[in-house]
């Protein structure tokens, strides 16, 4: 007597339910949010441009010399033979906390930075956004970041810089805040924020508020979601354009010190070098960064990027527009024309 096998039933689960009109609504909302952030950025960019020289001069006045030995440089396997390479900082879509990476090159000039930390623990936390001894649901940090322990390397680095901004001394930034606290927000931007139900935007009017923006944990959200530099990247560009060589800042994970170095601005007496006290494989190259005759070209040659990358960076240096719109008014007019066009099509 044979037994019949029961047919296995196909089970379906409804994960979400929506109509075509919902998709249209979500698309409109997404566009409005994007327009809001671009418009807000453009408005502040216009106002910054009117005091850009003063902003640079302010940072120049508060910059001080800074020298240290045996700080840590963490690199992944790709750069183990070229640990002072700055290629990763400009080729990465997001960039670094204080440098602009490969965003929209028609609008934003990318520029490199070399990142160091006071110890290995802090270097790991800054690189991967998680502490090396941190665990999550039984997973080690190396499991979460998809990097095995033997696929990263630490290098001891000595450096001496002539002009460094110290963000651990916030009182030095009062003059900078005084230059931007008078900025205004157009009514159109406030109305747009209200229509998409997000908090009304504000202007930085205190040193504490400025530091909150520069040390924001989720600083990657703006370049990642909206293709717009973060507050810290905007500040980094002003510093780099002012000839500042480095920015000293505390880690949001370990509270210990980090340094972003703008290698293009390395001067006569300044340098960054792999610690000569430690023996390295002979294959390791570019062991010291000193003054560069043609800063952007030479720093790129040192980091061995391809010709396409070098051309893109050099082209980017020639562009002066921060956005594809000359002013915030141009963007607002463009948004209005799109709105009118949509009404005509309805």
Protein backbone atom coordinates (compact mmCIF):
# COMPACT_ATOMS: atom_id res chain seq x y z
CA UNK A 1 0.00 0.00 0.00
CA UNK A 2 1.67 3.18 -1.23
CA UNK A 3 1.41 6.46 0.52
CA UNK A 4 0.82 9.63 -1.42
CA UNK A 5 3.16 12.47 -0.71
CA UNK A 6 1.40 15.63 0.21
CA UNK A 7 1.97 18.52 -2.13
CA UNK A 8 4.04 21.18 -0.52
CA UNK A 9 2.13 24.39 -0.36
CA UNK A 10 3.72 27.58 -1.64
CA UNK A 11 3.49 30.23 1.00
CA UNK A 12 3.45 33.89 0.09
CA UNK A 13 3.90 36.74 2.51
CA UNK A 14 2.84 40.30 1.78
CA UNK A 15 5.69 42.55 2.87
CA UNK A 16 4.07 45.80 1.84
CA UNK A 17 0.99 47.03 0.09
CA UNK A 18 0.76 50.24 -1.91
CA UNK A 19 -0.75 51.74 -5.01
CA UNK A 20 0.76 53.52 -7.98
CA UNK A 21 -0.37 56.85 -6.53
CA UNK A 22 1.73 56.08 -3.45
CA UNK A 23 4.82 55.66 -5.64
CA UNK A 24 4.15 59.00 -7.27
CA UNK A 25 3.78 60.65 -3.87
CA UNK A 26 7.02 59.12 -2.59
CA UNK A 27 8.89 60.26 -5.68
CA UNK A 28 7.61 63.82 -5.26
CA UNK A 29 8.62 63.80 -1.61
CA UNK A 30 12.10 62.47 -2.43
CA UNK A 31 12.55 65.20 -5.05
CA UNK A 32 11.38 67.89 -2.63
CA UNK A 33 13.83 66.69 0.02
CA UNK A 34 16.68 66.68 -2.52
CA UNK A 35 15.71 70.16 -3.75
CA UNK A 36 15.58 71.44 -0.19
CA UNK A 37 19.10 70.28 0.67
CA UNK A 38 20.57 71.56 -2.61
CA UNK A 39 18.82 74.90 -2.21
CA UNK A 40 19.90 75.27 1.42
CA UNK A 41 23.50 74.41 0.51
CA UNK A 42 23.49 76.85 -2.43
CA UNK A 43 22.10 79.69 -0.32
CA UNK A 44 24.82 79.30 2.30
CA UNK A 45 27.50 78.83 -0.37
CA UNK A 46 26.53 82.23 -1.85
CA UNK A 47 26.81 83.90 1.54
CA UNK A 48 30.12 82.17 2.33
CA UNK A 49 31.58 83.38 -0.95
CA UNK A 50 30.99 86.99 0.09
CA UNK A 51 33.25 86.57 3.15
CA UNK A 52 35.49 83.76 1.89
CA UNK A 53 38.65 85.82 2.11
CA UNK A 54 37.89 86.81 5.70
CA UNK A 55 37.12 83.21 6.63
CA UNK A 56 40.48 82.06 5.29
CA UNK A 57 42.32 84.91 7.02
CA UNK A 58 40.62 84.04 10.30
CA UNK A 59 41.81 80.43 10.14
CA UNK A 60 45.31 81.52 9.17
CA UNK A 61 45.51 83.71 12.29
CA UNK A 62 44.62 80.90 14.72
CA UNK A 63 46.74 78.15 13.12
CA UNK A 64 49.74 76.98 15.17
CA UNK A 65 52.73 74.65 14.70
CA UNK A 66 52.27 71.04 15.75
CA UNK A 67 54.78 68.17 15.89
CA UNK A 68 54.37 64.57 17.02
CA UNK A 69 56.08 61.21 16.69
CA UNK A 70 54.73 57.65 16.59
CA UNK A 71 51.18 58.49 15.56
CA UNK A 72 49.33 55.72 13.74
CA UNK A 73 48.36 55.37 10.10
CA UNK A 74 45.95 52.50 9.34
CA UNK A 75 45.75 51.19 5.77
CA UNK A 76 44.05 48.24 4.10
CA UNK A 77 45.92 45.66 2.04
CA UNK A 78 45.69 47.77 -1.13
CA UNK A 79 47.99 50.45 0.32
CA UNK A 80 50.34 48.40 2.49
CA UNK A 81 53.30 49.17 0.21
CA UNK A 82 52.36 52.84 -0.07
CA UNK A 83 51.02 53.78 3.38
CA UNK A 84 51.31 57.56 2.87
CA UNK A 85 49.14 57.42 -0.24
CA UNK A 86 46.32 59.96 -0.42
CA UNK A 87 44.67 58.25 -3.38
CA UNK A 88 41.93 56.63 -1.32
CA UNK A 89 40.78 59.94 0.15
CA UNK A 90 39.98 61.43 -3.26
CA UNK A 91 38.84 58.36 -5.15
CA UNK A 92 36.29 57.35 -2.54
CA UNK A 93 32.82 58.63 -3.41
CA UNK A 94 32.28 60.11 0.05
CA UNK A 95 35.80 61.36 0.79
CA UNK A 96 36.99 61.90 4.37
CA UNK A 97 35.67 63.93 7.26
CA UNK A 98 37.63 67.02 6.17
CA UNK A 99 38.17 66.42 2.45
CA UNK A 100 35.82 66.14 -0.51
CA UNK A 101 36.01 62.91 -2.46
CA UNK A 102 34.59 61.79 -5.76
CA UNK A 103 31.17 63.49 -5.58
CA UNK A 104 29.87 65.43 -8.56
CA UNK A 105 33.00 66.84 -10.19
CA UNK A 106 31.00 69.33 -12.23
CA UNK A 107 30.12 71.05 -8.95
CA UNK A 108 32.66 70.15 -6.29
CA UNK A 109 36.43 70.16 -6.52
CA UNK A 110 37.85 67.13 -4.78
CA UNK A 111 41.04 67.38 -2.77
CA UNK A 112 43.07 64.91 -0.68
CA UNK A 113 43.86 64.54 2.99
CA UNK A 114 46.03 62.11 4.95
CA UNK A 115 44.47 60.87 8.20
CA UNK A 116 46.41 59.87 11.32
CA UNK A 117 45.42 58.97 14.88
CA UNK A 118 47.23 59.12 18.19
CA UNK A 119 46.99 55.32 18.68
CA UNK A 120 45.92 52.14 16.88
CA UNK A 121 42.63 51.88 18.73
CA UNK A 122 41.56 55.35 17.59
CA UNK A 123 42.83 54.82 14.04
CA UNK A 124 40.65 51.73 13.73
CA UNK A 125 37.58 53.50 15.13
CA UNK A 126 37.95 56.46 12.75
CA UNK A 127 38.56 54.29 9.71
CA UNK A 128 35.68 51.87 10.21
CA UNK A 129 33.28 53.70 12.53
CA UNK A 130 33.48 50.94 15.14
CA UNK A 131 35.95 50.24 17.93
CA UNK A 132 38.29 47.28 17.43
CA UNK A 133 37.13 45.63 20.66
CA UNK A 134 33.45 46.26 20.00
CA UNK A 135 31.07 43.33 19.51
CA UNK A 136 27.56 43.24 18.06
CA UNK A 137 25.38 40.16 18.40
CA UNK A 138 28.39 37.96 18.85
CA UNK A 139 30.23 39.38 15.83
CA UNK A 140 33.71 40.81 16.21
CA UNK A 141 34.62 44.18 14.70
CA UNK A 142 36.65 42.47 11.95
CA UNK A 143 33.57 40.43 10.99
CA UNK A 144 31.37 43.52 10.80
CA UNK A 145 33.76 45.55 8.61
CA UNK A 146 34.51 42.59 6.29
CA UNK A 147 38.24 42.95 6.90
CA UNK A 148 40.28 40.22 8.52
CA UNK A 149 42.89 41.26 11.06
CA UNK A 150 45.70 40.36 8.66
CA UNK A 151 44.28 42.52 5.85
CA UNK A 152 44.98 45.82 7.63
CA UNK A 153 48.29 47.30 8.76
CA UNK A 154 49.41 50.06 11.12
CA UNK A 155 52.39 52.31 10.43
CA UNK A 156 54.09 54.58 12.93
CA UNK A 157 54.29 58.12 11.52
CA UNK A 158 56.20 61.24 12.58
CA UNK A 159 55.17 64.69 11.41
CA UNK A 160 55.93 68.37 11.87
CA UNK A 161 53.46 70.94 10.58
CA UNK A 162 53.65 74.73 10.59
CA UNK A 163 49.93 75.56 10.52
CA UNK A 164 47.40 73.39 12.35
CA UNK A 165 43.84 74.19 13.48
CA UNK A 166 43.15 72.71 16.90
CA UNK A 167 39.46 71.87 17.31
CA UNK A 168 40.13 70.84 20.89
CA UNK A 169 40.58 74.57 21.63
CA UNK A 170 37.12 75.81 20.63
CA UNK A 171 37.58 79.41 21.81
CA UNK A 172 39.92 79.94 18.85
CA UNK A 173 36.94 79.58 16.52
CA UNK A 174 34.92 82.52 17.84
CA UNK A 175 36.14 84.83 15.09
CA UNK A 176 35.08 82.29 12.47
CA UNK A 177 31.60 82.04 14.01
CA UNK A 178 31.31 85.83 14.09
CA UNK A 179 31.72 85.87 10.30
CA UNK A 180 28.94 83.37 9.60
CA UNK A 181 26.40 83.94 12.36
CA UNK A 182 24.82 86.77 10.39
CA UNK A 183 23.89 84.53 7.47
CA UNK A 184 20.18 84.34 6.69
CA UNK A 185 17.81 81.68 5.40
CA UNK A 186 15.42 82.69 2.57
CA UNK A 187 11.69 82.30 3.24
CA UNK A 188 11.41 79.88 0.32
CA UNK A 189 13.73 77.43 2.07
CA UNK A 190 11.81 77.65 5.33
CA UNK A 191 8.54 77.08 3.45
CA UNK A 192 10.01 74.08 1.64
CA UNK A 193 11.20 72.61 4.97
CA UNK A 194 7.71 73.03 6.39
CA UNK A 195 6.08 71.41 3.37
CA UNK A 196 8.21 68.27 3.68
CA UNK A 197 7.73 68.25 7.46
CA UNK A 198 11.32 68.59 8.60
CA UNK A 199 12.61 70.99 11.30
CA UNK A 200 13.20 74.56 10.18
CA UNK A 201 16.90 74.99 9.30
CA UNK A 202 19.10 77.18 11.48
CA UNK A 203 22.31 79.15 11.23
CA UNK A 204 25.46 78.46 13.26
CA UNK A 205 25.59 81.19 15.88
CA UNK A 206 27.88 79.66 18.53
CA UNK A 207 31.15 77.76 18.75
CA UNK A 208 29.37 74.78 20.29
CA UNK A 209 26.97 74.60 17.34
CA UNK A 210 29.89 74.83 14.90
CA UNK A 211 31.75 72.00 16.65
CA UNK A 212 28.61 69.86 16.66
CA UNK A 213 28.53 70.13 12.86
CA UNK A 214 32.26 69.55 12.37
CA UNK A 215 32.33 66.49 14.66
CA UNK A 216 28.97 65.02 13.64
CA UNK A 217 29.07 61.22 13.91
CA UNK A 218 26.92 60.74 10.83
CA UNK A 219 28.82 63.24 8.68
CA UNK A 220 28.67 60.87 5.68
CA UNK A 221 24.90 61.28 5.31
CA UNK A 222 25.04 64.48 3.22
CA UNK A 223 27.53 63.30 0.57
CA UNK A 224 26.00 59.82 0.55
CA UNK A 225 22.33 60.74 0.27
CA UNK A 226 22.35 64.14 -1.42
CA UNK A 227 25.73 64.45 -3.20
CA UNK A 228 26.51 67.54 -1.13
CA UNK A 229 29.60 68.04 1.07
CA UNK A 230 29.12 67.76 4.82
CA UNK A 231 29.73 70.71 7.14
CA UNK A 232 33.13 69.31 8.09
CA UNK A 233 34.12 68.93 4.42
CA UNK A 234 33.11 72.53 3.70
CA UNK A 235 35.22 73.67 6.67
CA UNK A 236 38.07 71.47 5.46
CA UNK A 237 37.98 73.14 2.04
CA UNK A 238 38.17 76.62 3.56
CA UNK A 239 41.13 75.50 5.69
CA UNK A 240 42.88 73.85 2.76
CA UNK A 241 42.30 76.93 0.56
CA UNK A 242 43.78 79.08 3.36
CA UNK A 243 47.01 77.07 3.18
CA UNK A 244 46.39 75.30 6.50
CA UNK A 245 48.41 72.08 6.74
CA UNK A 246 46.34 70.13 9.25
CA UNK A 247 43.24 69.92 11.44
CA UNK A 248 43.53 68.35 14.90
CA UNK A 249 40.22 66.95 16.12
CA UNK A 250 38.89 64.47 18.72
CA UNK A 251 37.51 61.06 17.79
CA UNK A 252 33.79 60.68 18.38
CA UNK A 253 34.45 57.08 19.37
CA UNK A 254 37.47 57.16 21.66
CA UNK A 255 37.64 60.93 22.36
CA UNK A 256 41.35 60.80 21.55
CA UNK A 257 43.17 62.89 18.92
CA UNK A 258 43.15 62.58 15.13
CA UNK A 259 44.86 64.63 12.46
CA UNK A 260 43.75 65.42 8.90
CA UNK A 261 46.76 66.60 6.89
CA UNK A 262 46.42 68.56 3.65
CA UNK A 263 49.56 67.32 1.93
CA UNK A 264 49.22 69.92 -0.84
CA UNK A 265 50.10 72.61 1.71
CA UNK A 266 53.25 70.99 3.12
CA UNK A 267 55.85 73.79 3.42
CA UNK A 268 59.61 74.22 3.59
CA UNK A 269 60.09 73.11 7.18
CA UNK A 270 57.15 70.71 7.46
CA UNK A 271 57.04 67.00 6.67
CA UNK A 272 55.26 63.70 7.21
CA UNK A 273 57.35 60.53 7.37
CA UNK A 274 57.15 56.86 8.21
CA UNK A 275 58.91 56.42 11.54
CA UNK A 276 62.57 55.61 10.66
CA UNK A 277 63.04 53.78 13.97
CA UNK A 278 61.11 50.82 12.60
CA UNK A 279 62.46 48.60 9.83
CA UNK A 280 60.12 48.26 6.86
CA UNK A 281 60.16 45.96 3.84
CA UNK A 282 62.24 47.42 1.02
CA UNK A 283 59.16 47.39 -1.22
CA UNK A 284 57.51 50.13 0.86
CA UNK A 285 57.76 53.37 -1.11
CA UNK A 286 57.21 57.10 -0.59
CA UNK A 287 58.39 57.09 3.00
CA UNK A 288 58.39 60.86 3.42
CA UNK A 289 56.24 63.77 2.23
CA UNK A 290 57.94 67.14 2.00
CA UNK A 291 57.25 70.34 0.07
CA UNK A 292 55.86 69.60 -3.38
CA UNK A 293 56.78 71.72 -6.41
CA UNK A 294 53.40 71.18 -8.06
CA UNK A 295 51.27 70.21 -5.03
CA UNK A 296 48.26 68.49 -6.53
CA UNK A 297 50.15 66.81 -9.36
CA UNK A 298 53.08 65.67 -7.22
CA UNK A 299 50.88 64.42 -4.38
CA UNK A 300 48.89 62.41 -6.88
CA UNK A 301 52.03 61.00 -8.47
CA UNK A 302 53.19 59.96 -5.00
CA UNK A 303 49.97 58.07 -4.39
CA UNK A 304 50.25 56.28 -7.74
CA UNK A 305 46.70 56.78 -9.07
CA UNK A 306 45.99 56.22 -12.71
CA UNK A 307 46.22 58.93 -15.36
CA UNK A 308 42.46 59.36 -15.43
CA UNK A 309 42.40 60.22 -11.72
CA UNK A 310 45.23 62.75 -12.08
CA UNK A 311 43.47 64.45 -14.99
CA UNK A 312 40.19 64.61 -13.07
CA UNK A 313 41.84 66.27 -10.08
CA UNK A 314 43.70 68.80 -12.22
CA UNK A 315 40.52 69.63 -14.10
CA UNK A 316 38.69 69.99 -10.82
CA UNK A 317 41.19 72.62 -9.62
CA UNK A 318 40.18 74.79 -12.57
CA UNK A 319 36.51 74.79 -11.62
CA UNK A 320 35.32 77.56 -9.35
CA UNK A 321 31.57 76.90 -9.18
CA UNK A 322 30.49 75.16 -6.00
CA UNK A 323 27.23 74.08 -7.57
CA UNK A 324 25.80 73.74 -11.04
CA UNK A 325 23.80 76.91 -10.28
CA UNK A 326 25.60 80.25 -10.00
CA UNK A 327 23.40 81.43 -7.14
CA UNK A 328 20.62 80.23 -4.89
CA UNK A 329 18.25 82.46 -6.86
CA UNK A 330 19.13 80.53 -10.03
CA UNK A 331 18.21 77.29 -8.31
CA UNK A 332 14.98 78.72 -6.93
CA UNK A 333 14.04 79.97 -10.41
CA UNK A 334 14.79 76.55 -11.80
CA UNK A 335 12.57 74.90 -9.18
CA UNK A 336 9.76 77.39 -9.91
CA UNK A 337 10.03 76.76 -13.64
CA UNK A 338 9.83 73.01 -13.02
CA UNK A 339 6.74 73.54 -10.86
CA UNK A 340 5.05 75.66 -13.53
CA UNK A 341 5.97 73.10 -16.16
CA UNK A 342 4.43 70.33 -14.09
CA UNK A 343 1.23 72.33 -13.67
CA UNK A 344 0.99 72.84 -17.41
CA UNK A 345 1.27 69.09 -17.93
CA UNK A 346 -1.46 68.23 -15.43
